[in-house]
Amino acid sequence: MVDPSARAEQPECETPSDADLLPAELRSWMRLLAAAGAVEQQLRSRVKDAMGISHDEFLVLCLLADQPGSRLRMTQIAELLGRPKTRLTYQVACLQRAGLITRMSACGDRRGIEVALTEKARRLLGESSRPLADAVSEAIAQTACSQGYSQLHDFLPGVPDTERQAAHPQDPPR
């Protein structure tokens, strides 16, 4: 009969350090995804309120605004945003109905479709972009602080290196 007061010896379990589970590249990728998710969450409702469009439609406008001539082919937009062409076609149709973009045949390729910003879109982006940019900075800063990811501060163009160093003195200066 087993003595109930006697404890069974438990083998010692060796657990790997959490730092050993993921290489630095994957850990950095996960931090970037967390920051992108936080930014997207912050922007979804703000974009809808400020501009009356979805977050995905906003991404199309931002991509166009950042291109020379504010125009791109549909295939390029799909590739740059990592979206299926069918989904992009729907978003572009919504933006066109709202008067924010125009669609035309691509120069030299009648099969290709090119989209461009309208003046209405330029005005709307001009009015809305500063508050939305501030929301992006806020989301990145909150994610960086809450998760202790000092590297995310590098995404904030308005934060001088001296402030980054004061917040995270262990980081080497850039």
N, C-alpha and C. Protein backbone atom coordinates (compact mmCIF):
# COMPACT_ATOMS: atom_id res chain seq x y z
N MET A 1 0.83 -1.16 0.00
CA MET A 1 0.00 0.00 0.00
C MET A 1 0.89 1.24 0.00
N VAL A 2 0.45 2.28 -0.69
CA VAL A 2 1.23 3.50 -0.83
C VAL A 2 0.92 4.41 0.33
N ASP A 3 1.97 4.94 0.91
CA ASP A 3 1.81 5.90 2.00
C ASP A 3 1.31 7.22 1.42
N PRO A 4 0.06 7.67 1.79
CA PRO A 4 -0.49 8.90 1.21
C PRO A 4 0.28 10.14 1.60
N SER A 5 1.04 10.08 2.68
CA SER A 5 1.80 11.27 3.08
C SER A 5 3.08 11.42 2.28
N ALA A 6 3.49 10.36 1.62
CA ALA A 6 4.71 10.42 0.82
C ALA A 6 4.40 11.07 -0.52
N ARG A 7 5.20 12.02 -0.87
CA ARG A 7 5.02 12.73 -2.14
C ARG A 7 5.77 12.01 -3.24
N ALA A 8 5.13 11.92 -4.36
CA ALA A 8 5.81 11.35 -5.50
C ALA A 8 6.82 12.36 -6.01
N GLU A 9 7.96 11.85 -6.34
CA GLU A 9 8.96 12.76 -6.88
C GLU A 9 8.56 13.17 -8.29
N GLN A 10 8.54 14.44 -8.50
CA GLN A 10 8.20 14.98 -9.82
C GLN A 10 9.48 15.22 -10.60
N PRO A 11 9.52 14.73 -11.82
CA PRO A 11 10.71 15.04 -12.62
C PRO A 11 10.76 16.53 -12.92
N GLU A 12 11.95 17.05 -12.92
CA GLU A 12 12.07 18.47 -13.23
C GLU A 12 11.87 18.68 -14.71
N CYS A 13 10.99 19.59 -15.00
CA CYS A 13 10.70 19.89 -16.40
C CYS A 13 11.56 21.06 -16.83
N GLU A 14 12.23 20.86 -17.92
CA GLU A 14 13.00 21.96 -18.47
C GLU A 14 12.18 22.61 -19.55
N THR A 15 11.92 23.87 -19.38
CA THR A 15 11.17 24.60 -20.39
C THR A 15 12.12 25.56 -21.08
N PRO A 16 12.02 25.63 -22.37
CA PRO A 16 12.91 26.55 -23.08
C PRO A 16 12.56 27.99 -22.75
N SER A 17 13.53 28.80 -22.78
CA SER A 17 13.31 30.23 -22.59
C SER A 17 12.44 30.74 -23.72
N ASP A 18 11.55 31.66 -23.42
CA ASP A 18 10.70 32.24 -24.47
C ASP A 18 11.54 32.86 -25.58
N ALA A 19 12.68 33.39 -25.21
CA ALA A 19 13.54 34.03 -26.20
C ALA A 19 14.08 33.01 -27.21
N ASP A 20 14.10 31.74 -26.82
CA ASP A 20 14.61 30.71 -27.72
C ASP A 20 13.57 30.22 -28.72
N LEU A 21 12.31 30.54 -28.50
CA LEU A 21 11.26 30.01 -29.36
C LEU A 21 11.21 30.66 -30.74
N LEU A 22 11.46 31.94 -30.80
CA LEU A 22 11.39 32.66 -32.07
C LEU A 22 12.70 33.36 -32.38
N PRO A 23 13.15 33.27 -33.60
CA PRO A 23 14.32 34.07 -33.99
C PRO A 23 13.95 35.56 -33.96
N ALA A 24 14.94 36.39 -33.86
CA ALA A 24 14.72 37.84 -33.76
C ALA A 24 13.89 38.38 -34.92
N GLU A 25 14.08 37.83 -36.12
CA GLU A 25 13.34 38.31 -37.29
C GLU A 25 11.84 38.08 -37.12
N LEU A 26 11.47 36.89 -36.63
CA LEU A 26 10.04 36.61 -36.42
C LEU A 26 9.47 37.45 -35.28
N ARG A 27 10.24 37.65 -34.24
CA ARG A 27 9.80 38.48 -33.13
C ARG A 27 9.56 39.92 -33.61
N SER A 28 10.46 40.42 -34.44
CA SER A 28 10.30 41.77 -34.99
C SER A 28 9.06 41.84 -35.88
N TRP A 29 8.86 40.80 -36.69
CA TRP A 29 7.68 40.75 -37.56
C TRP A 29 6.40 40.79 -36.73
N MET A 30 6.36 40.06 -35.63
CA MET A 30 5.17 40.04 -34.78
C MET A 30 4.94 41.42 -34.15
N ARG A 31 6.00 42.10 -33.79
CA ARG A 31 5.87 43.45 -33.24
C ARG A 31 5.32 44.41 -34.29
N LEU A 32 5.81 44.26 -35.50
CA LEU A 32 5.32 45.11 -36.59
C LEU A 32 3.84 44.85 -36.85
N LEU A 33 3.44 43.58 -36.85
CA LEU A 33 2.03 43.25 -37.03
C LEU A 33 1.16 43.81 -35.91
N ALA A 34 1.66 43.74 -34.68
CA ALA A 34 0.91 44.29 -33.55
C ALA A 34 0.72 45.79 -33.71
N ALA A 35 1.77 46.46 -34.13
CA ALA A 35 1.67 47.91 -34.33
C ALA A 35 0.71 48.22 -35.47
N ALA A 36 0.81 47.47 -36.57
CA ALA A 36 -0.09 47.70 -37.71
C ALA A 36 -1.54 47.45 -37.31
N GLY A 37 -1.77 46.42 -36.52
CA GLY A 37 -3.13 46.13 -36.05
C GLY A 37 -3.67 47.24 -35.17
N ALA A 38 -2.81 47.78 -34.30
CA ALA A 38 -3.24 48.88 -33.43
C ALA A 38 -3.58 50.12 -34.24
N VAL A 39 -2.76 50.41 -35.24
CA VAL A 39 -3.01 51.56 -36.11
C VAL A 39 -4.32 51.36 -36.87
N GLU A 40 -4.49 50.18 -37.42
CA GLU A 40 -5.71 49.91 -38.19
C GLU A 40 -6.95 50.05 -37.32
N GLN A 41 -6.88 49.55 -36.09
CA GLN A 41 -8.01 49.69 -35.17
C GLN A 41 -8.33 51.15 -34.90
N GLN A 42 -7.30 51.94 -34.66
CA GLN A 42 -7.50 53.37 -34.39
C GLN A 42 -8.13 54.07 -35.59
N LEU A 43 -7.69 53.68 -36.79
CA LEU A 43 -8.12 54.40 -37.99
C LEU A 43 -9.50 54.01 -38.50
N ARG A 44 -9.92 52.78 -38.30
CA ARG A 44 -11.17 52.32 -38.90
C ARG A 44 -12.33 53.28 -38.68
N SER A 45 -12.64 53.56 -37.45
CA SER A 45 -13.79 54.44 -37.17
C SER A 45 -13.48 55.90 -37.50
N ARG A 46 -12.25 56.31 -37.30
CA ARG A 46 -11.89 57.70 -37.58
C ARG A 46 -11.97 58.01 -39.06
N VAL A 47 -11.53 57.08 -39.91
CA VAL A 47 -11.61 57.28 -41.36
C VAL A 47 -13.07 57.36 -41.78
N LYS A 48 -13.88 56.46 -41.25
CA LYS A 48 -15.31 56.45 -41.60
C LYS A 48 -15.96 57.77 -41.20
N ASP A 49 -15.66 58.25 -40.00
CA ASP A 49 -16.24 59.52 -39.52
C ASP A 49 -15.74 60.72 -40.32
N ALA A 50 -14.44 60.76 -40.57
CA ALA A 50 -13.83 61.92 -41.22
C ALA A 50 -14.07 61.97 -42.72
N MET A 51 -14.07 60.80 -43.35
CA MET A 51 -14.10 60.79 -44.81
C MET A 51 -15.30 60.07 -45.42
N GLY A 52 -16.01 59.30 -44.60
CA GLY A 52 -17.17 58.59 -45.10
C GLY A 52 -16.84 57.39 -45.98
N ILE A 53 -15.64 56.85 -45.84
CA ILE A 53 -15.22 55.69 -46.63
C ILE A 53 -14.65 54.64 -45.69
N SER A 54 -14.47 53.43 -46.22
CA SER A 54 -13.91 52.35 -45.41
C SER A 54 -12.39 52.52 -45.28
N HIS A 55 -11.82 51.80 -44.33
CA HIS A 55 -10.38 51.83 -44.13
C HIS A 55 -9.66 51.33 -45.38
N ASP A 56 -10.15 50.26 -46.00
CA ASP A 56 -9.52 49.73 -47.21
C ASP A 56 -9.59 50.73 -48.36
N GLU A 57 -10.69 51.45 -48.48
CA GLU A 57 -10.80 52.49 -49.52
C GLU A 57 -9.82 53.63 -49.22
N PHE A 58 -9.67 53.94 -47.96
CA PHE A 58 -8.71 54.97 -47.54
C PHE A 58 -7.29 54.57 -47.94
N LEU A 59 -6.95 53.30 -47.79
CA LEU A 59 -5.62 52.83 -48.18
C LEU A 59 -5.37 53.03 -49.67
N VAL A 60 -6.40 52.81 -50.47
CA VAL A 60 -6.27 53.03 -51.92
C VAL A 60 -5.99 54.51 -52.18
N LEU A 61 -6.74 55.39 -51.53
CA LEU A 61 -6.52 56.83 -51.73
C LEU A 61 -5.11 57.24 -51.30
N CYS A 62 -4.67 56.74 -50.16
CA CYS A 62 -3.32 57.08 -49.67
C CYS A 62 -2.25 56.59 -50.63
N LEU A 63 -2.43 55.40 -51.15
CA LEU A 63 -1.47 54.85 -52.10
C LEU A 63 -1.41 55.71 -53.35
N LEU A 64 -2.57 56.12 -53.85
CA LEU A 64 -2.60 56.98 -55.03
C LEU A 64 -1.98 58.34 -54.74
N ALA A 65 -2.27 58.90 -53.57
CA ALA A 65 -1.76 60.22 -53.21
C ALA A 65 -0.23 60.21 -53.11
N ASP A 66 0.34 59.06 -52.84
CA ASP A 66 1.79 58.97 -52.66
C ASP A 66 2.54 58.65 -53.95
N GLN A 67 1.83 58.60 -55.08
CA GLN A 67 2.44 58.27 -56.37
C GLN A 67 2.61 59.51 -57.24
N PRO A 68 3.62 59.53 -58.08
CA PRO A 68 3.74 60.64 -59.03
C PRO A 68 2.48 60.68 -59.92
N GLY A 69 1.88 61.83 -60.03
CA GLY A 69 0.67 61.97 -60.82
C GLY A 69 -0.57 61.45 -60.13
N SER A 70 -0.43 60.93 -58.93
CA SER A 70 -1.56 60.40 -58.14
C SER A 70 -2.37 59.37 -58.91
N ARG A 71 -1.68 58.52 -59.66
CA ARG A 71 -2.36 57.50 -60.45
C ARG A 71 -1.55 56.22 -60.47
N LEU A 72 -2.27 55.10 -60.59
CA LEU A 72 -1.65 53.78 -60.68
C LEU A 72 -2.57 52.84 -61.45
N ARG A 73 -1.98 51.80 -61.97
CA ARG A 73 -2.77 50.73 -62.59
C ARG A 73 -3.39 49.89 -61.48
N MET A 74 -4.53 49.32 -61.79
CA MET A 74 -5.24 48.48 -60.82
C MET A 74 -4.36 47.32 -60.36
N THR A 75 -3.62 46.70 -61.27
CA THR A 75 -2.78 45.57 -60.88
C THR A 75 -1.69 45.98 -59.90
N GLN A 76 -1.15 47.19 -60.08
CA GLN A 76 -0.13 47.68 -59.15
C GLN A 76 -0.73 47.92 -57.77
N ILE A 77 -1.92 48.48 -57.72
CA ILE A 77 -2.58 48.73 -56.44
C ILE A 77 -2.81 47.41 -55.72
N ALA A 78 -3.33 46.43 -56.44
CA ALA A 78 -3.59 45.12 -55.84
C ALA A 78 -2.31 44.52 -55.28
N GLU A 79 -1.23 44.61 -56.03
CA GLU A 79 0.05 44.06 -55.57
C GLU A 79 0.59 44.81 -54.36
N LEU A 80 0.56 46.14 -54.41
CA LEU A 80 1.11 46.94 -53.32
C LEU A 80 0.33 46.79 -52.01
N LEU A 81 -0.99 46.62 -52.13
CA LEU A 81 -1.82 46.46 -50.94
C LEU A 81 -2.01 45.00 -50.55
N GLY A 82 -1.57 44.09 -51.41
CA GLY A 82 -1.74 42.68 -51.11
C GLY A 82 -3.20 42.26 -51.08
N ARG A 83 -3.98 42.82 -52.00
CA ARG A 83 -5.42 42.55 -52.06
C ARG A 83 -5.75 41.77 -53.32
N PRO A 84 -6.76 40.91 -53.25
CA PRO A 84 -7.22 40.25 -54.47
C PRO A 84 -7.81 41.29 -55.42
N LYS A 85 -7.65 41.07 -56.72
CA LYS A 85 -8.14 42.03 -57.71
C LYS A 85 -9.65 42.21 -57.64
N THR A 86 -10.37 41.14 -57.33
CA THR A 86 -11.84 41.26 -57.25
C THR A 86 -12.26 42.17 -56.11
N ARG A 87 -11.59 42.07 -54.99
CA ARG A 87 -11.90 42.95 -53.85
C ARG A 87 -11.56 44.40 -54.18
N LEU A 88 -10.43 44.58 -54.83
CA LEU A 88 -10.01 45.92 -55.22
C LEU A 88 -10.99 46.53 -56.21
N THR A 89 -11.51 45.73 -57.13
CA THR A 89 -12.48 46.23 -58.11
C THR A 89 -13.70 46.80 -57.39
N TYR A 90 -14.16 46.13 -56.36
CA TYR A 90 -15.30 46.62 -55.58
C TYR A 90 -14.96 47.94 -54.88
N GLN A 91 -13.79 48.01 -54.24
CA GLN A 91 -13.38 49.22 -53.54
C GLN A 91 -13.25 50.39 -54.51
N VAL A 92 -12.67 50.15 -55.66
CA VAL A 92 -12.50 51.19 -56.66
C VAL A 92 -13.87 51.67 -57.16
N ALA A 93 -14.79 50.74 -57.34
CA ALA A 93 -16.15 51.13 -57.77
C ALA A 93 -16.80 52.02 -56.72
N CYS A 94 -16.63 51.70 -55.45
CA CYS A 94 -17.19 52.53 -54.37
C CYS A 94 -16.56 53.92 -54.38
N LEU A 95 -15.25 53.99 -54.55
CA LEU A 95 -14.55 55.27 -54.59
C LEU A 95 -14.96 56.08 -55.81
N GLN A 96 -15.19 55.40 -56.92
CA GLN A 96 -15.61 56.11 -58.13
C GLN A 96 -17.03 56.67 -57.95
N ARG A 97 -17.94 55.89 -57.36
CA ARG A 97 -19.30 56.38 -57.09
C ARG A 97 -19.29 57.59 -56.17
N ALA A 98 -18.33 57.61 -55.24
CA ALA A 98 -18.21 58.73 -54.29
C ALA A 98 -17.53 59.94 -54.93
N GLY A 99 -17.06 59.80 -56.17
CA GLY A 99 -16.41 60.91 -56.86
C GLY A 99 -14.98 61.16 -56.42
N LEU A 100 -14.33 60.13 -55.83
CA LEU A 100 -12.99 60.31 -55.29
C LEU A 100 -11.88 59.83 -56.22
N ILE A 101 -12.23 58.99 -57.19
CA ILE A 101 -11.24 58.55 -58.18
C ILE A 101 -11.90 58.47 -59.55
N THR A 102 -11.06 58.46 -60.56
CA THR A 102 -11.53 58.22 -61.92
C THR A 102 -10.83 56.97 -62.43
N ARG A 103 -11.51 56.27 -63.32
CA ARG A 103 -10.94 55.09 -63.97
C ARG A 103 -10.80 55.38 -65.45
N MET A 104 -9.69 54.91 -66.03
CA MET A 104 -9.46 55.11 -67.46
C MET A 104 -8.60 53.98 -67.98
N SER A 105 -8.57 53.81 -69.28
CA SER A 105 -7.67 52.82 -69.88
C SER A 105 -6.24 53.29 -69.69
N ALA A 106 -5.38 52.33 -69.41
CA ALA A 106 -3.97 52.66 -69.23
C ALA A 106 -3.37 53.06 -70.56
N CYS A 107 -2.51 54.06 -70.53
CA CYS A 107 -1.86 54.55 -71.74
C CYS A 107 -1.05 53.43 -72.39
N GLY A 108 -1.33 53.16 -73.65
CA GLY A 108 -0.58 52.16 -74.38
C GLY A 108 -1.04 50.73 -74.15
N ASP A 109 -2.06 50.51 -73.31
CA ASP A 109 -2.54 49.15 -73.04
C ASP A 109 -4.04 49.23 -72.77
N ARG A 110 -4.83 48.98 -73.80
CA ARG A 110 -6.28 49.17 -73.64
C ARG A 110 -6.90 48.16 -72.68
N ARG A 111 -6.17 47.06 -72.37
CA ARG A 111 -6.70 46.09 -71.41
C ARG A 111 -6.49 46.55 -69.97
N GLY A 112 -5.47 47.35 -69.74
CA GLY A 112 -5.14 47.80 -68.39
C GLY A 112 -6.01 48.97 -67.96
N ILE A 113 -6.32 49.01 -66.68
CA ILE A 113 -7.12 50.09 -66.11
C ILE A 113 -6.25 50.86 -65.13
N GLU A 114 -6.30 52.16 -65.25
CA GLU A 114 -5.55 53.05 -64.37
C GLU A 114 -6.55 53.87 -63.58
N VAL A 115 -6.24 54.13 -62.32
CA VAL A 115 -7.11 54.97 -61.50
C VAL A 115 -6.31 56.17 -61.01
N ALA A 116 -7.03 57.27 -60.82
CA ALA A 116 -6.38 58.51 -60.38
C ALA A 116 -7.28 59.23 -59.39
N LEU A 117 -6.67 60.01 -58.52
CA LEU A 117 -7.42 60.83 -57.57
C LEU A 117 -8.14 61.96 -58.29
N THR A 118 -9.30 62.34 -57.77
CA THR A 118 -10.00 63.52 -58.26
C THR A 118 -9.66 64.69 -57.35
N GLU A 119 -10.06 65.87 -57.77
CA GLU A 119 -9.85 67.06 -56.92
C GLU A 119 -10.61 66.92 -55.60
N LYS A 120 -11.78 66.31 -55.67
CA LYS A 120 -12.57 66.09 -54.44
C LYS A 120 -11.76 65.23 -53.45
N ALA A 121 -11.12 64.19 -53.95
CA ALA A 121 -10.30 63.33 -53.08
C ALA A 121 -9.12 64.10 -52.51
N ARG A 122 -8.50 64.94 -53.33
CA ARG A 122 -7.36 65.74 -52.85
C ARG A 122 -7.81 66.67 -51.71
N ARG A 123 -8.95 67.31 -51.88
CA ARG A 123 -9.47 68.19 -50.82
C ARG A 123 -9.76 67.40 -49.55
N LEU A 124 -10.44 66.27 -49.71
CA LEU A 124 -10.80 65.44 -48.56
C LEU A 124 -9.56 64.93 -47.83
N LEU A 125 -8.57 64.49 -48.57
CA LEU A 125 -7.32 64.05 -47.94
C LEU A 125 -6.62 65.22 -47.25
N GLY A 126 -6.63 66.37 -47.89
CA GLY A 126 -6.01 67.55 -47.29
C GLY A 126 -6.65 67.94 -45.97
N GLU A 127 -7.97 67.84 -45.91
CA GLU A 127 -8.70 68.20 -44.68
C GLU A 127 -8.56 67.14 -43.59
N SER A 128 -8.47 65.89 -43.98
CA SER A 128 -8.54 64.79 -43.01
C SER A 128 -7.19 64.19 -42.63
N SER A 129 -6.17 64.41 -43.42
CA SER A 129 -4.93 63.66 -43.21
C SER A 129 -4.20 64.00 -41.91
N ARG A 130 -4.18 65.25 -41.47
CA ARG A 130 -3.45 65.58 -40.24
C ARG A 130 -4.05 64.88 -39.02
N PRO A 131 -5.37 64.96 -38.77
CA PRO A 131 -5.92 64.23 -37.62
C PRO A 131 -5.72 62.71 -37.72
N LEU A 132 -5.79 62.18 -38.93
CA LEU A 132 -5.58 60.74 -39.10
C LEU A 132 -4.11 60.38 -38.88
N ALA A 133 -3.21 61.23 -39.32
CA ALA A 133 -1.78 60.99 -39.07
C ALA A 133 -1.49 61.04 -37.57
N ASP A 134 -2.14 61.95 -36.87
CA ASP A 134 -1.98 62.02 -35.42
C ASP A 134 -2.48 60.74 -34.75
N ALA A 135 -3.57 60.18 -35.27
CA ALA A 135 -4.10 58.92 -34.73
C ALA A 135 -3.11 57.78 -34.96
N VAL A 136 -2.43 57.79 -36.10
CA VAL A 136 -1.41 56.78 -36.39
C VAL A 136 -0.27 56.90 -35.38
N SER A 137 0.22 58.12 -35.19
CA SER A 137 1.31 58.33 -34.23
C SER A 137 0.91 57.89 -32.82
N GLU A 138 -0.31 58.22 -32.44
CA GLU A 138 -0.81 57.84 -31.12
C GLU A 138 -0.87 56.32 -30.97
N ALA A 139 -1.38 55.65 -31.99
CA ALA A 139 -1.48 54.18 -31.93
C ALA A 139 -0.11 53.53 -31.86
N ILE A 140 0.84 54.02 -32.64
CA ILE A 140 2.19 53.45 -32.62
C ILE A 140 2.83 53.70 -31.26
N ALA A 141 2.69 54.92 -30.74
CA ALA A 141 3.29 55.24 -29.45
C ALA A 141 2.68 54.39 -28.34
N GLN A 142 1.36 54.22 -28.36
CA GLN A 142 0.70 53.39 -27.33
C GLN A 142 1.16 51.95 -27.41
N THR A 143 1.26 51.42 -28.61
CA THR A 143 1.69 50.03 -28.78
C THR A 143 3.14 49.88 -28.33
N ALA A 144 3.97 50.82 -28.72
CA ALA A 144 5.39 50.76 -28.35
C ALA A 144 5.55 50.81 -26.84
N CYS A 145 4.81 51.71 -26.19
CA CYS A 145 4.93 51.84 -24.73
C CYS A 145 4.35 50.64 -24.01
N SER A 146 3.16 50.20 -24.43
CA SER A 146 2.51 49.11 -23.71
C SER A 146 3.26 47.79 -23.88
N GLN A 147 3.92 47.60 -24.99
CA GLN A 147 4.63 46.35 -25.25
C GLN A 147 6.14 46.46 -25.03
N GLY A 148 6.61 47.67 -24.74
CA GLY A 148 8.04 47.86 -24.53
C GLY A 148 8.86 47.73 -25.80
N TYR A 149 8.29 48.09 -26.92
CA TYR A 149 8.95 47.97 -28.22
C TYR A 149 9.54 49.32 -28.62
N SER A 150 10.70 49.61 -28.17
CA SER A 150 11.29 50.92 -28.46
C SER A 150 11.54 51.12 -29.95
N GLN A 151 11.74 50.05 -30.71
CA GLN A 151 12.03 50.19 -32.13
C GLN A 151 10.84 50.77 -32.89
N LEU A 152 9.63 50.60 -32.40
CA LEU A 152 8.46 51.13 -33.10
C LEU A 152 8.48 52.66 -33.14
N HIS A 153 9.17 53.27 -32.20
CA HIS A 153 9.26 54.74 -32.21
C HIS A 153 9.94 55.24 -33.48
N ASP A 154 10.71 54.39 -34.14
CA ASP A 154 11.37 54.78 -35.38
C ASP A 154 10.35 55.09 -36.48
N PHE A 155 9.13 54.58 -36.33
CA PHE A 155 8.09 54.85 -37.32
C PHE A 155 7.47 56.23 -37.14
N LEU A 156 7.78 56.89 -36.05
CA LEU A 156 7.20 58.20 -35.76
C LEU A 156 8.15 59.29 -36.23
N PRO A 157 7.85 59.95 -37.34
CA PRO A 157 8.78 60.93 -37.88
C PRO A 157 8.96 62.16 -37.02
N GLY A 158 7.99 62.49 -36.18
CA GLY A 158 8.07 63.72 -35.41
C GLY A 158 8.76 63.58 -34.07
N VAL A 159 9.21 62.40 -33.71
CA VAL A 159 9.85 62.21 -32.41
C VAL A 159 11.36 62.27 -32.58
N PRO A 160 11.99 63.33 -32.04
CA PRO A 160 13.45 63.45 -32.19
C PRO A 160 14.19 62.32 -31.50
N ASP A 161 15.41 62.03 -32.00
CA ASP A 161 16.24 60.97 -31.42
C ASP A 161 16.49 61.18 -29.94
N THR A 162 16.60 62.43 -29.49
CA THR A 162 16.87 62.69 -28.08
C THR A 162 15.72 62.23 -27.21
N GLU A 163 14.47 62.39 -27.68
CA GLU A 163 13.32 61.91 -26.92
C GLU A 163 13.30 60.39 -26.89
N ARG A 164 13.65 59.75 -28.00
CA ARG A 164 13.70 58.30 -28.04
C ARG A 164 14.75 57.79 -27.05
N GLN A 165 15.91 58.44 -27.03
CA GLN A 165 16.98 58.04 -26.12
C GLN A 165 16.57 58.23 -24.67
N ALA A 166 15.86 59.31 -24.38
CA ALA A 166 15.42 59.55 -23.00
C ALA A 166 14.42 58.48 -22.57
N ALA A 167 13.55 58.08 -23.48
CA ALA A 167 12.54 57.07 -23.16
C ALA A 167 13.15 55.68 -23.07
N HIS A 168 14.19 55.42 -23.86
CA HIS A 168 14.80 54.10 -23.92
C HIS A 168 16.32 54.23 -23.95
N PRO A 169 16.94 54.54 -22.80
CA PRO A 169 18.39 54.79 -22.78
C PRO A 169 19.23 53.58 -23.16
N GLN A 170 18.66 52.37 -23.11
CA GLN A 170 19.45 51.17 -23.46
C GLN A 170 19.65 51.04 -24.96
N ASP A 171 18.85 51.75 -25.76
CA ASP A 171 18.98 51.68 -27.21
C ASP A 171 20.18 52.48 -27.68
N PRO A 172 20.92 51.95 -28.62
CA PRO A 172 22.04 52.73 -29.17
C PRO A 172 21.53 53.90 -29.99
N PRO A 173 22.22 55.03 -30.00
CA PRO A 173 21.79 56.16 -30.82
C PRO A 173 21.91 55.81 -32.29
N ARG A 174 21.04 56.42 -33.10
CA ARG A 174 21.09 56.15 -34.53
C ARG A 174 21.88 57.21 -35.24
